């Protein structure tokens, strides 16, 4: 399947190539939504089935991740390619907005057994989004430049990336993914190192580029993953819900 994608893009990607790639991804999603028969799964606390709504939630979750990854990769690519020009810095603000939207969609459709952890990640996302929006609308400087000149503002804006790291951790724990195993420590190391001022620009560039590449690999692999594993054991969700209701 990966070879088919590379073949679709070709040696010199063009608008037509990317349209063909989007058509290929749409076909994959369509196939994933097709259910020929109802499968009964044996969970830890009983049997369960997977509904069309469950499948749709997973597809929305992955679409949000893909949106966040695409905006992040475009932003880092522009920064590496063009440098911190006024145009690029202003585009980074727009791309961060798209990133936040995609991440928010994922966090509201992700399947996590522990409700407190799920709510915590959503809270991180909300704090990071509100803080970033406040700076973007109040500062005369582009958001990225303001954060770069005031590293401690990452205590607020960085909450977005804390929420994203929570997803990385969940994916690493549940699916033993190499890229998310690397991303889980990489993101906080880069952000905390930047705030502390311990990394030279060269190291920051290497870590940021690694983050971008691994994020793209993660989002791409999610597109082709079977849907049921992302839904999880619905009998566990039902059991935990009953436990909360009895308290």
C-alpha atoms as a PDB file:
ATOM      1  CA  UNK A   1       0.000   0.000   0.000  1.00  0.00           C
ATOM      2  CA  UNK A   2       2.836   2.417   0.796  1.00  0.00           C
ATOM      3  CA  UNK A   3       4.365   1.622  -2.610  1.00  0.00           C
ATOM      4  CA  UNK A   4       1.042   2.477  -4.205  1.00  0.00           C
ATOM      5  CA  UNK A   5       1.085   5.859  -2.497  1.00  0.00           C
ATOM      6  CA  UNK A   6       4.618   6.589  -3.679  1.00  0.00           C
ATOM      7  CA  UNK A   7       3.625   5.546  -7.168  1.00  0.00           C
ATOM      8  CA  UNK A   8       0.609   7.853  -7.007  1.00  0.00           C
ATOM      9  CA  UNK A   9       2.749  10.816  -5.961  1.00  0.00           C
ATOM     10  CA  UNK A  10       5.388  10.097  -8.568  1.00  0.00           C
ATOM     11  CA  UNK A  11       8.899  11.474  -8.725  1.00  0.00           C
ATOM     12  CA  UNK A  12       7.663  15.071  -9.122  1.00  0.00           C
ATOM     13  CA  UNK A  13       4.483  15.573  -7.073  1.00  0.00           C
ATOM     14  CA  UNK A  14       1.914  17.859  -8.698  1.00  0.00           C
ATOM     15  CA  UNK A  15      -1.622  18.990  -7.988  1.00  0.00           C
ATOM     16  CA  UNK A  16      -2.928  16.077 -10.066  1.00  0.00           C
ATOM     17  CA  UNK A  17      -0.785  13.641  -8.086  1.00  0.00           C
ATOM     18  CA  UNK A  18      -2.103  14.938  -4.778  1.00  0.00           C
ATOM     19  CA  UNK A  19      -5.689  14.797  -6.063  1.00  0.00           C
ATOM     20  CA  UNK A  20      -5.074  11.175  -7.033  1.00  0.00           C
ATOM     21  CA  UNK A  21      -3.658  10.516  -3.569  1.00  0.00           C
ATOM     22  CA  UNK A  22      -6.726  12.058  -1.926  1.00  0.00           C
ATOM     23  CA  UNK A  23      -8.926   9.864  -4.134  1.00  0.00           C
ATOM     24  CA  UNK A  24      -6.929   6.815  -3.017  1.00  0.00           C
ATOM     25  CA  UNK A  25      -7.308   7.735   0.656  1.00  0.00           C
ATOM     26  CA  UNK A  26     -11.043   8.355   0.157  1.00  0.00           C
ATOM     27  CA  UNK A  27     -11.352   4.906  -1.398  1.00  0.00           C
ATOM     28  CA  UNK A  28      -9.589   3.355   1.587  1.00  0.00           C
ATOM     29  CA  UNK A  29     -11.925   5.143   3.999  1.00  0.00           C
ATOM     30  CA  UNK A  30     -14.937   4.001   1.965  1.00  0.00           C
ATOM     31  CA  UNK A  31     -13.775   0.399   2.152  1.00  0.00           C
ATOM     32  CA  UNK A  32     -13.219   0.716   5.905  1.00  0.00           C
ATOM     33  CA  UNK A  33     -16.805   1.921   6.349  1.00  0.00           C
ATOM     34  CA  UNK A  34     -18.261  -1.048   4.490  1.00  0.00           C
ATOM     35  CA  UNK A  35     -19.503  -3.810   6.784  1.00  0.00           C
ATOM     36  CA  UNK A  36     -20.683  -7.008   5.143  1.00  0.00           C
ATOM     37  CA  UNK A  37     -21.870  -8.659   8.362  1.00  0.00           C
ATOM     38  CA  UNK A  38     -22.196  -7.967  12.054  1.00  0.00           C
ATOM     39  CA  UNK A  39     -19.245  -9.415  13.933  1.00  0.00           C
ATOM     40  CA  UNK A  40     -19.664 -10.258  17.608  1.00  0.00           C
ATOM     41  CA  UNK A  41     -16.477  -9.664  19.608  1.00  0.00           C
ATOM     42  CA  UNK A  42     -15.676 -11.264  22.946  1.00  0.00           C
ATOM     43  CA  UNK A  43     -14.521  -8.570  25.352  1.00  0.00           C
ATOM     44  CA  UNK A  44     -13.131  -8.768  28.860  1.00  0.00           C
ATOM     45  CA  UNK A  45     -16.560  -8.182  30.408  1.00  0.00           C
ATOM     46  CA  UNK A  46     -18.848  -9.615  27.745  1.00  0.00           C
ATOM     47  CA  UNK A  47     -19.697  -9.597  24.078  1.00  0.00           C
ATOM     48  CA  UNK A  48     -20.044  -6.476  21.946  1.00  0.00           C
ATOM     49  CA  UNK A  49     -20.502  -5.387  18.351  1.00  0.00           C
ATOM     50  CA  UNK A  50     -19.101  -2.481  16.366  1.00  0.00           C
ATOM     51  CA  UNK A  51     -21.616  -0.057  14.877  1.00  0.00           C
ATOM     52  CA  UNK A  52     -21.362   2.321  11.933  1.00  0.00           C
ATOM     53  CA  UNK A  53     -21.194   5.167  14.435  1.00  0.00           C
ATOM     54  CA  UNK A  54     -18.142   3.568  16.064  1.00  0.00           C
ATOM     55  CA  UNK A  55     -16.444   3.321  12.695  1.00  0.00           C
ATOM     56  CA  UNK A  56     -17.336   6.901  11.807  1.00  0.00           C
ATOM     57  CA  UNK A  57     -15.884   8.169  15.093  1.00  0.00           C
ATOM     58  CA  UNK A  58     -12.590   6.402  14.350  1.00  0.00           C
ATOM     59  CA  UNK A  59     -12.449   7.861  10.851  1.00  0.00           C
ATOM     60  CA  UNK A  60     -13.136  11.352  12.227  1.00  0.00           C
ATOM     61  CA  UNK A  61     -10.434  10.809  14.866  1.00  0.00           C
ATOM     62  CA  UNK A  62      -7.911   9.824  12.219  1.00  0.00           C
ATOM     63  CA  UNK A  63      -8.977  12.667   9.928  1.00  0.00           C
ATOM     64  CA  UNK A  64      -8.349  15.123  12.759  1.00  0.00           C
ATOM     65  CA  UNK A  65      -4.908  13.637  13.319  1.00  0.00           C
ATOM     66  CA  UNK A  66      -4.145  13.817   9.610  1.00  0.00           C
ATOM     67  CA  UNK A  67      -5.218  17.479   9.541  1.00  0.00           C
ATOM     68  CA  UNK A  68      -3.031  18.302  12.526  1.00  0.00           C
ATOM     69  CA  UNK A  69      -0.075  16.402  11.073  1.00  0.00           C
ATOM     70  CA  UNK A  70      -0.435  18.018   7.649  1.00  0.00           C
ATOM     71  CA  UNK A  71      -0.597  21.549   9.044  1.00  0.00           C
ATOM     72  CA  UNK A  72       2.364  20.828  11.336  1.00  0.00           C
ATOM     73  CA  UNK A  73       4.468  19.401   8.497  1.00  0.00           C
ATOM     74  CA  UNK A  74       3.606  22.285   6.178  1.00  0.00           C
ATOM     75  CA  UNK A  75       4.572  24.760   8.890  1.00  0.00           C
ATOM     76  CA  UNK A  76       7.917  23.151   9.633  1.00  0.00           C
ATOM     77  CA  UNK A  77       8.666  22.720   5.923  1.00  0.00           C
ATOM     78  CA  UNK A  78       7.984  26.403   5.244  1.00  0.00           C
ATOM     79  CA  UNK A  79      10.173  27.375   8.174  1.00  0.00           C
ATOM     80  CA  UNK A  80      13.078  25.220   7.003  1.00  0.00           C
ATOM     81  CA  UNK A  81      12.660  26.167   3.352  1.00  0.00           C
ATOM     82  CA  UNK A  82      11.943  29.894   3.513  1.00  0.00           C
ATOM     83  CA  UNK A  83      13.147  30.794   6.993  1.00  0.00           C
ATOM     84  CA  UNK A  84      11.377  33.064   9.472  1.00  0.00           C
ATOM     85  CA  UNK A  85      10.107  35.599   6.933  1.00  0.00           C
ATOM     86  CA  UNK A  86       7.093  37.800   7.805  1.00  0.00           C
ATOM     87  CA  UNK A  87       4.918  35.790   5.407  1.00  0.00           C
ATOM     88  CA  UNK A  88       5.959  32.449   6.889  1.00  0.00           C
ATOM     89  CA  UNK A  89       5.487  33.681  10.456  1.00  0.00           C
ATOM     90  CA  UNK A  90       1.953  34.855   9.676  1.00  0.00           C
ATOM     91  CA  UNK A  91       1.179  31.580   7.897  1.00  0.00           C
ATOM     92  CA  UNK A  92       2.365  29.683  10.972  1.00  0.00           C
ATOM     93  CA  UNK A  93      -0.379  31.364  12.998  1.00  0.00           C
ATOM     94  CA  UNK A  94      -3.009  30.170  10.515  1.00  0.00           C
ATOM     95  CA  UNK A  95      -1.514  26.697  10.411  1.00  0.00           C
ATOM     96  CA  UNK A  96      -1.516  26.506  14.207  1.00  0.00           C
ATOM     97  CA  UNK A  97      -5.221  27.306  14.137  1.00  0.00           C
ATOM     98  CA  UNK A  98      -5.811  24.437  11.699  1.00  0.00           C
ATOM     99  CA  UNK A  99      -3.581  22.195  13.815  1.00  0.00           C
ATOM    100  CA  UNK A 100      -5.597  23.039  16.931  1.00  0.00           C
ATOM    101  CA  UNK A 101      -8.885  22.375  15.143  1.00  0.00           C
ATOM    102  CA  UNK A 102      -7.727  18.984  13.891  1.00  0.00           C
ATOM    103  CA  UNK A 103      -6.323  18.037  17.294  1.00  0.00           C
ATOM    104  CA  UNK A 104      -9.540  19.109  19.017  1.00  0.00           C
ATOM    105  CA  UNK A 105     -11.636  16.953  16.690  1.00  0.00           C
ATOM    106  CA  UNK A 106      -9.392  13.979  17.441  1.00  0.00           C
ATOM    107  CA  UNK A 107      -9.576  14.524  21.187  1.00  0.00           C
ATOM    108  CA  UNK A 108     -13.361  14.591  21.122  1.00  0.00           C
ATOM    109  CA  UNK A 109     -13.633  11.352  19.128  1.00  0.00           C
ATOM    110  CA  UNK A 110     -10.713   9.326  20.482  1.00  0.00           C
ATOM    111  CA  UNK A 111     -11.572   6.157  22.434  1.00  0.00           C
ATOM    112  CA  UNK A 112      -9.849   6.181  25.825  1.00  0.00           C
ATOM    113  CA  UNK A 113     -10.947   3.898  28.637  1.00  0.00           C
ATOM    114  CA  UNK A 114     -10.106   6.283  31.477  1.00  0.00           C
ATOM    115  CA  UNK A 115     -12.496   9.248  31.428  1.00  0.00           C
ATOM    116  CA  UNK A 116     -10.335  11.432  33.757  1.00  0.00           C
ATOM    117  CA  UNK A 117      -7.367  11.039  31.401  1.00  0.00           C
ATOM    118  CA  UNK A 118      -9.561  11.812  28.394  1.00  0.00           C
ATOM    119  CA  UNK A 119     -10.889  14.969  30.073  1.00  0.00           C
ATOM    120  CA  UNK A 120      -7.371  16.004  31.086  1.00  0.00           C
ATOM    121  CA  UNK A 121      -6.146  15.851  27.493  1.00  0.00           C
ATOM    122  CA  UNK A 122      -9.171  17.864  26.381  1.00  0.00           C
ATOM    123  CA  UNK A 123      -8.424  20.413  29.098  1.00  0.00           C
ATOM    124  CA  UNK A 124      -4.823  20.712  27.911  1.00  0.00           C
ATOM    125  CA  UNK A 125      -6.097  21.297  24.389  1.00  0.00           C
ATOM    126  CA  UNK A 126      -8.526  23.977  25.573  1.00  0.00           C
ATOM    127  CA  UNK A 127      -5.879  25.801  27.625  1.00  0.00           C
ATOM    128  CA  UNK A 128      -3.395  25.746  24.765  1.00  0.00           C
ATOM    129  CA  UNK A 129      -5.971  26.915  22.228  1.00  0.00           C
ATOM    130  CA  UNK A 130      -7.270  29.783  24.378  1.00  0.00           C
ATOM    131  CA  UNK A 131      -3.764  30.891  25.361  1.00  0.00           C
ATOM    132  CA  UNK A 132      -2.529  30.792  21.756  1.00  0.00           C
ATOM    133  CA  UNK A 133      -5.581  32.698  20.503  1.00  0.00           C
ATOM    134  CA  UNK A 134      -5.121  35.340  23.204  1.00  0.00           C
ATOM    135  CA  UNK A 135      -1.512  35.953  22.144  1.00  0.00           C
ATOM    136  CA  UNK A 136      -2.360  35.889  18.435  1.00  0.00           C
ATOM    137  CA  UNK A 137      -5.057  38.555  18.821  1.00  0.00           C
ATOM    138  CA  UNK A 138      -3.305  40.738  21.373  1.00  0.00           C
ATOM    139  CA  UNK A 139       0.324  40.726  20.229  1.00  0.00           C
ATOM    140  CA  UNK A 140       1.453  42.989  17.367  1.00  0.00           C
ATOM    141  CA  UNK A 141       3.998  40.286  16.507  1.00  0.00           C
ATOM    142  CA  UNK A 142       3.189  36.944  14.844  1.00  0.00           C
ATOM    143  CA  UNK A 143       2.420  34.219  17.359  1.00  0.00           C
ATOM    144  CA  UNK A 144       5.459  32.075  16.505  1.00  0.00           C
ATOM    145  CA  UNK A 145       7.829  35.027  16.853  1.00  0.00           C
ATOM    146  CA  UNK A 146       6.299  36.050  20.175  1.00  0.00           C
ATOM    147  CA  UNK A 147       6.657  32.531  21.588  1.00  0.00           C
ATOM    148  CA  UNK A 148      10.227  32.283  20.294  1.00  0.00           C
ATOM    149  CA  UNK A 149      11.135  35.558  22.000  1.00  0.00           C
ATOM    150  CA  UNK A 150       9.256  34.612  25.202  1.00  0.00           C
ATOM    151  CA  UNK A 151       9.933  30.875  25.746  1.00  0.00           C
ATOM    152  CA  UNK A 152       7.992  30.691  29.008  1.00  0.00           C
ATOM    153  CA  UNK A 153       4.755  31.343  27.094  1.00  0.00           C
ATOM    154  CA  UNK A 154       5.011  27.665  26.153  1.00  0.00           C
ATOM    155  CA  UNK A 155       3.640  26.979  29.626  1.00  0.00           C
ATOM    156  CA  UNK A 156       0.338  28.083  28.083  1.00  0.00           C
ATOM    157  CA  UNK A 157       0.578  27.464  24.350  1.00  0.00           C
ATOM    158  CA  UNK A 158       2.534  24.271  24.955  1.00  0.00           C
ATOM    159  CA  UNK A 159      -0.560  22.695  26.505  1.00  0.00           C
ATOM    160  CA  UNK A 160      -1.634  21.957  22.934  1.00  0.00           C
ATOM    161  CA  UNK A 161       1.441  19.807  22.469  1.00  0.00           C
ATOM    162  CA  UNK A 162       0.942  18.208  25.888  1.00  0.00           C
ATOM    163  CA  UNK A 163      -2.461  17.032  24.645  1.00  0.00           C
ATOM    164  CA  UNK A 164      -0.866  15.741  21.445  1.00  0.00           C
ATOM    165  CA  UNK A 165       1.792  13.922  23.458  1.00  0.00           C
ATOM    166  CA  UNK A 166      -1.025  12.229  25.375  1.00  0.00           C
ATOM    167  CA  UNK A 167      -2.265  10.806  22.079  1.00  0.00           C
ATOM    168  CA  UNK A 168       1.258   9.678  21.216  1.00  0.00           C
ATOM    169  CA  UNK A 169       1.501   7.905  24.570  1.00  0.00           C
ATOM    170  CA  UNK A 170      -1.882   6.235  24.123  1.00  0.00           C
ATOM    171  CA  UNK A 171      -0.946   4.993  20.661  1.00  0.00           C
ATOM    172  CA  UNK A 172       2.450   3.769  21.835  1.00  0.00           C
ATOM    173  CA  UNK A 173       0.888   1.918  24.781  1.00  0.00           C
ATOM    174  CA  UNK A 174      -2.001   0.378  22.834  1.00  0.00           C
ATOM    175  CA  UNK A 175      -0.335  -0.407  19.504  1.00  0.00           C
ATOM    176  CA  UNK A 176       3.389  -0.549  20.288  1.00  0.00           C
ATOM    177  CA  UNK A 177       4.163   1.929  17.496  1.00  0.00           C
ATOM    178  CA  UNK A 178       7.838   2.812  17.098  1.00  0.00           C
ATOM    179  CA  UNK A 179       7.182   6.372  15.903  1.00  0.00           C
ATOM    180  CA  UNK A 180       4.940   7.202  18.860  1.00  0.00           C
ATOM    181  CA  UNK A 181       7.418   5.599  21.258  1.00  0.00           C
ATOM    182  CA  UNK A 182       9.960   8.094  19.934  1.00  0.00           C
ATOM    183  CA  UNK A 183       7.546  11.033  19.837  1.00  0.00           C
ATOM    184  CA  UNK A 184       6.352  10.614  23.427  1.00  0.00           C
ATOM    185  CA  UNK A 185       9.702  11.686  24.962  1.00  0.00           C
ATOM    186  CA  UNK A 186      10.879  13.767  22.003  1.00  0.00           C
ATOM    187  CA  UNK A 187       8.173  16.447  22.231  1.00  0.00           C
ATOM    188  CA  UNK A 188       8.579  17.315  25.939  1.00  0.00           C
ATOM    189  CA  UNK A 189      12.384  17.153  25.619  1.00  0.00           C
ATOM    190  CA  UNK A 190      12.314  19.676  22.772  1.00  0.00           C
ATOM    191  CA  UNK A 191       9.817  22.036  24.426  1.00  0.00           C
ATOM    192  CA  UNK A 192      11.341  21.902  27.915  1.00  0.00           C
ATOM    193  CA  UNK A 193      14.830  22.222  26.451  1.00  0.00           C
ATOM    194  CA  UNK A 194      13.735  25.274  24.476  1.00  0.00           C
ATOM    195  CA  UNK A 195      12.205  26.895  27.561  1.00  0.00           C
ATOM    196  CA  UNK A 196      15.349  26.193  29.580  1.00  0.00           C
ATOM    197  CA  UNK A 197      17.595  27.429  26.769  1.00  0.00           C
ATOM    198  CA  UNK A 198      19.839  24.370  26.914  1.00  0.00           C
ATOM    199  CA  UNK A 199      19.707  23.409  23.214  1.00  0.00           C
ATOM    200  CA  UNK A 200      21.642  25.238  20.493  1.00  0.00           C
ATOM    201  CA  UNK A 201      19.668  26.097  17.325  1.00  0.00           C
ATOM    202  CA  UNK A 202      21.162  23.137  15.445  1.00  0.00           C
ATOM    203  CA  UNK A 203      19.802  20.636  17.986  1.00  0.00           C
ATOM    204  CA  UNK A 204      16.413  22.363  18.018  1.00  0.00           C
ATOM    205  CA  UNK A 205      16.267  22.072  14.227  1.00  0.00           C
ATOM    206  CA  UNK A 206      17.120  18.361  14.293  1.00  0.00           C
ATOM    207  CA  UNK A 207      14.508  17.625  16.966  1.00  0.00           C
ATOM    208  CA  UNK A 208      11.833  19.676  15.211  1.00  0.00           C
ATOM    209  CA  UNK A 209      12.526  17.981  11.885  1.00  0.00           C
ATOM    210  CA  UNK A 210      12.394  14.568  13.570  1.00  0.00           C
ATOM    211  CA  UNK A 211       9.084  15.473  15.183  1.00  0.00           C
ATOM    212  CA  UNK A 212       7.627  16.516  11.823  1.00  0.00           C
ATOM    213  CA  UNK A 213       8.751  13.361  10.000  1.00  0.00           C
ATOM    214  CA  UNK A 214       7.619  10.984  12.747  1.00  0.00           C
ATOM    215  CA  UNK A 215       4.271  12.770  13.058  1.00  0.00           C
ATOM    216  CA  UNK A 216       3.708  12.368   9.313  1.00  0.00           C
ATOM    217  CA  UNK A 217       4.599   8.657   9.500  1.00  0.00           C
ATOM    218  CA  UNK A 218       2.225   8.182  12.432  1.00  0.00           C
ATOM    219  CA  UNK A 219      -0.711   9.926  10.719  1.00  0.00           C
ATOM    220  CA  UNK A 220      -0.114   8.029   7.478  1.00  0.00           C
ATOM    221  CA  UNK A 221       0.007   4.656   9.198  1.00  0.00           C
ATOM    222  CA  UNK A 222      -3.227   5.412  11.051  1.00  0.00           C
ATOM    223  CA  UNK A 223      -5.041   5.793   7.727  1.00  0.00           C
ATOM    224  CA  UNK A 224      -4.337   2.162   6.823  1.00  0.00           C
ATOM    225  CA  UNK A 225      -4.846   0.634  10.258  1.00  0.00           C
ATOM    226  CA  UNK A 226      -7.882  -1.605  10.727  1.00  0.00           C
ATOM    227  CA  UNK A 227     -10.713   0.218  12.490  1.00  0.00           C
ATOM    228  CA  UNK A 228     -11.718  -2.226  15.281  1.00  0.00           C
ATOM    229  CA  UNK A 229      -8.461  -1.880  17.292  1.00  0.00           C
ATOM    230  CA  UNK A 230      -9.011   1.898  17.527  1.00  0.00           C
ATOM    231  CA  UNK A 231     -12.482   1.305  18.964  1.00  0.00           C
ATOM    232  CA  UNK A 232     -11.156  -0.902  21.704  1.00  0.00           C
ATOM    233  CA  UNK A 233     -13.010  -3.288  23.985  1.00  0.00           C
ATOM    234  CA  UNK A 234     -16.508  -1.812  24.289  1.00  0.00           C
ATOM    235  CA  UNK A 235     -17.297  -4.144  27.173  1.00  0.00           C
ATOM    236  CA  UNK A 236     -14.640  -2.307  29.214  1.00  0.00           C
ATOM    237  CA  UNK A 237     -16.259   1.041  28.403  1.00  0.00           C
ATOM    238  CA  UNK A 238     -19.635  -0.359  29.489  1.00  0.00           C
ATOM    239  CA  UNK A 239     -18.189  -1.825  32.694  1.00  0.00           C
ATOM    240  CA  UNK A 240     -16.443   1.430  33.671  1.00  0.00           C
ATOM    241  CA  UNK A 241     -19.614   3.409  32.932  1.00  0.00           C
ATOM    242  CA  UNK A 242     -21.632   1.128  35.206  1.00  0.00           C
ATOM    243  CA  UNK A 243     -18.998   1.494  37.929  1.00  0.00           C
ATOM    244  CA  UNK A 244     -19.254   5.291  37.757  1.00  0.00           C
ATOM    245  CA  UNK A 245     -23.035   5.168  37.923  1.00  0.00           C
ATOM    246  CA  UNK A 246     -22.923   3.026  41.050  1.00  0.00           C
ATOM    247  CA  UNK A 247     -20.675   5.460  42.902  1.00  0.00           C
END
